Amino acid sequence: MGLVTEILVLPAAPVRGVWWVLDKVVRAAEDEYYDPAPVQEQLVQLEQARSEGRIDEEDFARREGELMHRLEEIRAFQLRGGGLSGL
C-alpha cells in the first residue's frame, strides 16, 4: 500500500517542495519581524539621544510610544504561539 500511495502522490512532490520552502521563508520572516531585540536597541538609542540633547521631549515621547506599541505587538504575537519561542 505504501508504494502505491507514493506513486499516486509523486506528481504532487514539486508542489509539496515549493510549499515547504514557502513555509520556511514565512517563518524566517516572522522570526525577524517579531524579534524584540532591535526594538529594545532602538529604545536604548532613543534614550541616549534624549540624554545627549539630540532630540527634544516631544519627539522622544512620540517615538517611545511607537516603539512600546511595537513591543506590545511582538509580545502579543509570541503569546499566540508565533515564532521566537523561548523569548
N, C-alpha and C. Protein backbone atom coordinates (compact mmCIF):
# COMPACT_ATOMS: atom_id res chain seq x y z
N MET A 1 0.82 -1.19 0.00
CA MET A 1 0.00 0.00 0.00
C MET A 1 0.87 1.26 0.00
N GLY A 2 1.99 1.28 0.69
CA GLY A 2 2.87 2.43 0.74
C GLY A 2 3.44 2.79 -0.61
N LEU A 3 3.82 1.79 -1.40
CA LEU A 3 4.37 2.03 -2.72
C LEU A 3 3.33 2.65 -3.64
N VAL A 4 2.11 2.14 -3.58
CA VAL A 4 1.03 2.67 -4.42
C VAL A 4 0.76 4.14 -4.04
N THR A 5 0.72 4.42 -2.77
CA THR A 5 0.48 5.79 -2.32
C THR A 5 1.60 6.71 -2.81
N GLU A 6 2.84 6.26 -2.69
CA GLU A 6 3.97 7.07 -3.16
C GLU A 6 3.87 7.34 -4.65
N ILE A 7 3.49 6.36 -5.42
CA ILE A 7 3.36 6.53 -6.87
C ILE A 7 2.24 7.52 -7.19
N LEU A 8 1.14 7.42 -6.46
CA LEU A 8 0.00 8.29 -6.72
C LEU A 8 0.26 9.75 -6.35
N VAL A 9 1.03 9.98 -5.29
CA VAL A 9 1.29 11.35 -4.86
C VAL A 9 2.58 11.93 -5.46
N LEU A 10 3.30 11.15 -6.23
CA LEU A 10 4.55 11.62 -6.83
C LEU A 10 4.36 12.88 -7.67
N PRO A 11 3.31 13.01 -8.46
CA PRO A 11 3.16 14.26 -9.23
C PRO A 11 3.01 15.51 -8.35
N ALA A 12 2.60 15.35 -7.14
CA ALA A 12 2.44 16.49 -6.24
C ALA A 12 3.74 16.85 -5.52
N ALA A 13 4.80 16.10 -5.71
CA ALA A 13 6.06 16.33 -5.00
C ALA A 13 6.61 17.74 -5.23
N PRO A 14 6.63 18.26 -6.45
CA PRO A 14 7.14 19.63 -6.62
C PRO A 14 6.31 20.66 -5.86
N VAL A 15 5.01 20.47 -5.83
CA VAL A 15 4.15 21.40 -5.11
C VAL A 15 4.44 21.33 -3.61
N ARG A 16 4.60 20.13 -3.09
CA ARG A 16 4.94 19.99 -1.67
C ARG A 16 6.28 20.63 -1.36
N GLY A 17 7.22 20.50 -2.29
CA GLY A 17 8.54 21.11 -2.08
C GLY A 17 8.46 22.62 -2.06
N VAL A 18 7.71 23.19 -2.98
CA VAL A 18 7.54 24.64 -3.01
C VAL A 18 6.83 25.10 -1.74
N TRP A 19 5.81 24.38 -1.32
CA TRP A 19 5.08 24.72 -0.09
C TRP A 19 6.00 24.69 1.12
N TRP A 20 6.88 23.70 1.18
CA TRP A 20 7.83 23.58 2.30
C TRP A 20 8.77 24.80 2.32
N VAL A 21 9.28 25.17 1.15
CA VAL A 21 10.19 26.31 1.06
C VAL A 21 9.47 27.59 1.47
N LEU A 22 8.25 27.79 0.98
CA LEU A 22 7.48 28.98 1.35
C LEU A 22 7.23 29.04 2.85
N ASP A 23 6.93 27.90 3.44
CA ASP A 23 6.71 27.85 4.89
C ASP A 23 7.97 28.29 5.63
N LYS A 24 9.13 27.81 5.18
CA LYS A 24 10.39 28.19 5.84
C LYS A 24 10.68 29.68 5.68
N VAL A 25 10.39 30.23 4.50
CA VAL A 25 10.62 31.65 4.25
C VAL A 25 9.70 32.49 5.14
N VAL A 26 8.44 32.11 5.24
CA VAL A 26 7.49 32.85 6.09
C VAL A 26 7.93 32.78 7.55
N ARG A 27 8.34 31.62 8.00
CA ARG A 27 8.78 31.50 9.40
C ARG A 27 10.02 32.36 9.66
N ALA A 28 10.96 32.38 8.73
CA ALA A 28 12.16 33.20 8.91
C ALA A 28 11.81 34.69 8.92
N ALA A 29 10.90 35.08 8.05
CA ALA A 29 10.48 36.49 8.01
C ALA A 29 9.76 36.88 9.30
N GLU A 30 8.91 36.01 9.80
CA GLU A 30 8.21 36.28 11.06
C GLU A 30 9.20 36.37 12.22
N ASP A 31 10.17 35.47 12.24
CA ASP A 31 11.16 35.50 13.31
C ASP A 31 11.92 36.82 13.31
N GLU A 32 12.25 37.32 12.12
CA GLU A 32 12.96 38.58 12.03
C GLU A 32 12.06 39.76 12.39
N TYR A 33 10.85 39.76 11.87
CA TYR A 33 9.92 40.87 12.11
C TYR A 33 9.49 40.96 13.56
N TYR A 34 9.32 39.82 14.19
CA TYR A 34 8.84 39.78 15.57
C TYR A 34 9.96 39.60 16.60
N ASP A 35 11.18 39.91 16.23
CA ASP A 35 12.31 39.85 17.16
C ASP A 35 12.34 41.13 17.99
N PRO A 36 12.21 41.04 19.30
CA PRO A 36 12.17 42.25 20.12
C PRO A 36 13.53 42.95 20.27
N ALA A 37 14.62 42.26 20.00
CA ALA A 37 15.95 42.84 20.24
C ALA A 37 16.19 44.15 19.49
N PRO A 38 15.88 44.25 18.20
CA PRO A 38 16.11 45.53 17.52
C PRO A 38 15.27 46.67 18.09
N VAL A 39 14.05 46.37 18.50
CA VAL A 39 13.18 47.41 19.08
C VAL A 39 13.75 47.86 20.43
N GLN A 40 14.21 46.91 21.21
CA GLN A 40 14.81 47.25 22.50
C GLN A 40 16.08 48.09 22.31
N GLU A 41 16.85 47.76 21.28
CA GLU A 41 18.06 48.53 20.98
C GLU A 41 17.69 49.95 20.55
N GLN A 42 16.62 50.08 19.78
CA GLN A 42 16.17 51.41 19.38
C GLN A 42 15.73 52.23 20.59
N LEU A 43 15.11 51.58 21.57
CA LEU A 43 14.73 52.29 22.80
C LEU A 43 15.96 52.80 23.54
N VAL A 44 17.00 51.98 23.60
CA VAL A 44 18.25 52.40 24.25
C VAL A 44 18.86 53.59 23.51
N GLN A 45 18.90 53.50 22.19
CA GLN A 45 19.45 54.60 21.39
C GLN A 45 18.62 55.87 21.53
N LEU A 46 17.31 55.70 21.62
CA LEU A 46 16.42 56.85 21.79
C LEU A 46 16.69 57.54 23.13
N GLU A 47 16.82 56.77 24.18
CA GLU A 47 17.12 57.34 25.50
C GLU A 47 18.46 58.05 25.47
N GLN A 48 19.43 57.47 24.80
CA GLN A 48 20.75 58.09 24.70
C GLN A 48 20.66 59.41 23.94
N ALA A 49 19.88 59.43 22.86
CA ALA A 49 19.73 60.66 22.08
C ALA A 49 19.07 61.75 22.92
N ARG A 50 18.11 61.36 23.74
CA ARG A 50 17.45 62.35 24.61
C ARG A 50 18.43 62.87 25.65
N SER A 51 19.18 61.98 26.27
CA SER A 51 20.11 62.41 27.31
C SER A 51 21.24 63.27 26.76
N GLU A 52 21.57 63.09 25.48
CA GLU A 52 22.61 63.91 24.85
C GLU A 52 22.04 65.18 24.23
N GLY A 53 20.72 65.34 24.31
CA GLY A 53 20.09 66.55 23.79
C GLY A 53 19.90 66.57 22.28
N ARG A 54 20.01 65.43 21.63
CA ARG A 54 19.85 65.38 20.17
C ARG A 54 18.39 65.40 19.76
N ILE A 55 17.48 65.05 20.68
CA ILE A 55 16.04 65.14 20.41
C ILE A 55 15.36 65.78 21.60
N ASP A 56 14.23 66.42 21.35
CA ASP A 56 13.50 67.05 22.45
C ASP A 56 12.52 66.06 23.07
N GLU A 57 11.89 66.49 24.14
CA GLU A 57 10.99 65.62 24.90
C GLU A 57 9.78 65.18 24.06
N GLU A 58 9.29 66.08 23.22
CA GLU A 58 8.13 65.75 22.40
C GLU A 58 8.45 64.63 21.41
N ASP A 59 9.57 64.76 20.72
CA ASP A 59 9.99 63.72 19.78
C ASP A 59 10.27 62.40 20.51
N PHE A 60 10.90 62.53 21.67
CA PHE A 60 11.19 61.34 22.46
C PHE A 60 9.91 60.60 22.84
N ALA A 61 8.93 61.34 23.34
CA ALA A 61 7.68 60.72 23.79
C ALA A 61 6.94 60.06 22.62
N ARG A 62 6.92 60.73 21.47
CA ARG A 62 6.25 60.17 20.30
C ARG A 62 6.92 58.88 19.85
N ARG A 63 8.23 58.93 19.71
CA ARG A 63 8.97 57.76 19.23
C ARG A 63 8.94 56.63 20.25
N GLU A 64 9.04 56.97 21.53
CA GLU A 64 8.98 55.95 22.57
C GLU A 64 7.62 55.24 22.54
N GLY A 65 6.56 56.00 22.35
CA GLY A 65 5.22 55.41 22.24
C GLY A 65 5.12 54.45 21.08
N GLU A 66 5.70 54.81 19.93
CA GLU A 66 5.69 53.93 18.76
C GLU A 66 6.44 52.63 19.06
N LEU A 67 7.60 52.76 19.69
CA LEU A 67 8.40 51.58 19.98
C LEU A 67 7.74 50.68 21.03
N MET A 68 7.12 51.29 22.02
CA MET A 68 6.42 50.49 23.04
C MET A 68 5.22 49.77 22.43
N HIS A 69 4.53 50.43 21.51
CA HIS A 69 3.42 49.79 20.80
C HIS A 69 3.95 48.59 20.00
N ARG A 70 5.10 48.77 19.38
CA ARG A 70 5.71 47.67 18.60
C ARG A 70 6.07 46.50 19.51
N LEU A 71 6.61 46.79 20.68
CA LEU A 71 6.94 45.72 21.63
C LEU A 71 5.68 44.98 22.09
N GLU A 72 4.60 45.70 22.30
CA GLU A 72 3.34 45.06 22.67
C GLU A 72 2.84 44.14 21.56
N GLU A 73 2.99 44.59 20.32
CA GLU A 73 2.61 43.77 19.17
C GLU A 73 3.44 42.49 19.11
N ILE A 74 4.73 42.62 19.37
CA ILE A 74 5.63 41.45 19.36
C ILE A 74 5.25 40.48 20.47
N ARG A 75 5.01 41.00 21.66
CA ARG A 75 4.65 40.13 22.79
C ARG A 75 3.32 39.43 22.55
N ALA A 76 2.37 40.12 21.96
CA ALA A 76 1.07 39.51 21.64
C ALA A 76 1.25 38.37 20.63
N PHE A 77 2.11 38.59 19.64
CA PHE A 77 2.39 37.54 18.65
C PHE A 77 3.00 36.33 19.32
N GLN A 78 3.95 36.57 20.21
CA GLN A 78 4.62 35.47 20.90
C GLN A 78 3.66 34.72 21.81
N LEU A 79 2.74 35.44 22.45
CA LEU A 79 1.76 34.78 23.32
C LEU A 79 0.79 33.92 22.52
N ARG A 80 0.54 34.29 21.27
CA ARG A 80 -0.31 33.48 20.39
C ARG A 80 0.43 32.24 19.91
N GLY A 81 1.69 32.12 20.27
CA GLY A 81 2.45 30.93 19.88
C GLY A 81 3.28 31.11 18.63
N GLY A 82 3.44 32.31 18.18
CA GLY A 82 4.22 32.55 16.97
C GLY A 82 5.67 32.76 17.28
N GLY A 83 6.52 32.26 16.41
CA GLY A 83 7.96 32.47 16.35
C GLY A 83 8.74 32.77 17.62
N LEU A 84 10.04 32.74 17.50
CA LEU A 84 11.00 33.07 18.53
C LEU A 84 10.64 32.49 19.89
N SER A 85 10.35 31.24 19.91
CA SER A 85 10.00 30.59 21.17
C SER A 85 11.15 30.71 22.15
N GLY A 86 10.79 30.87 23.38
CA GLY A 86 11.81 30.97 24.41
C GLY A 86 12.19 32.38 24.78
N LEU A 87 11.66 33.38 24.07
CA LEU A 87 11.97 34.77 24.42
C LEU A 87 10.90 35.34 25.30
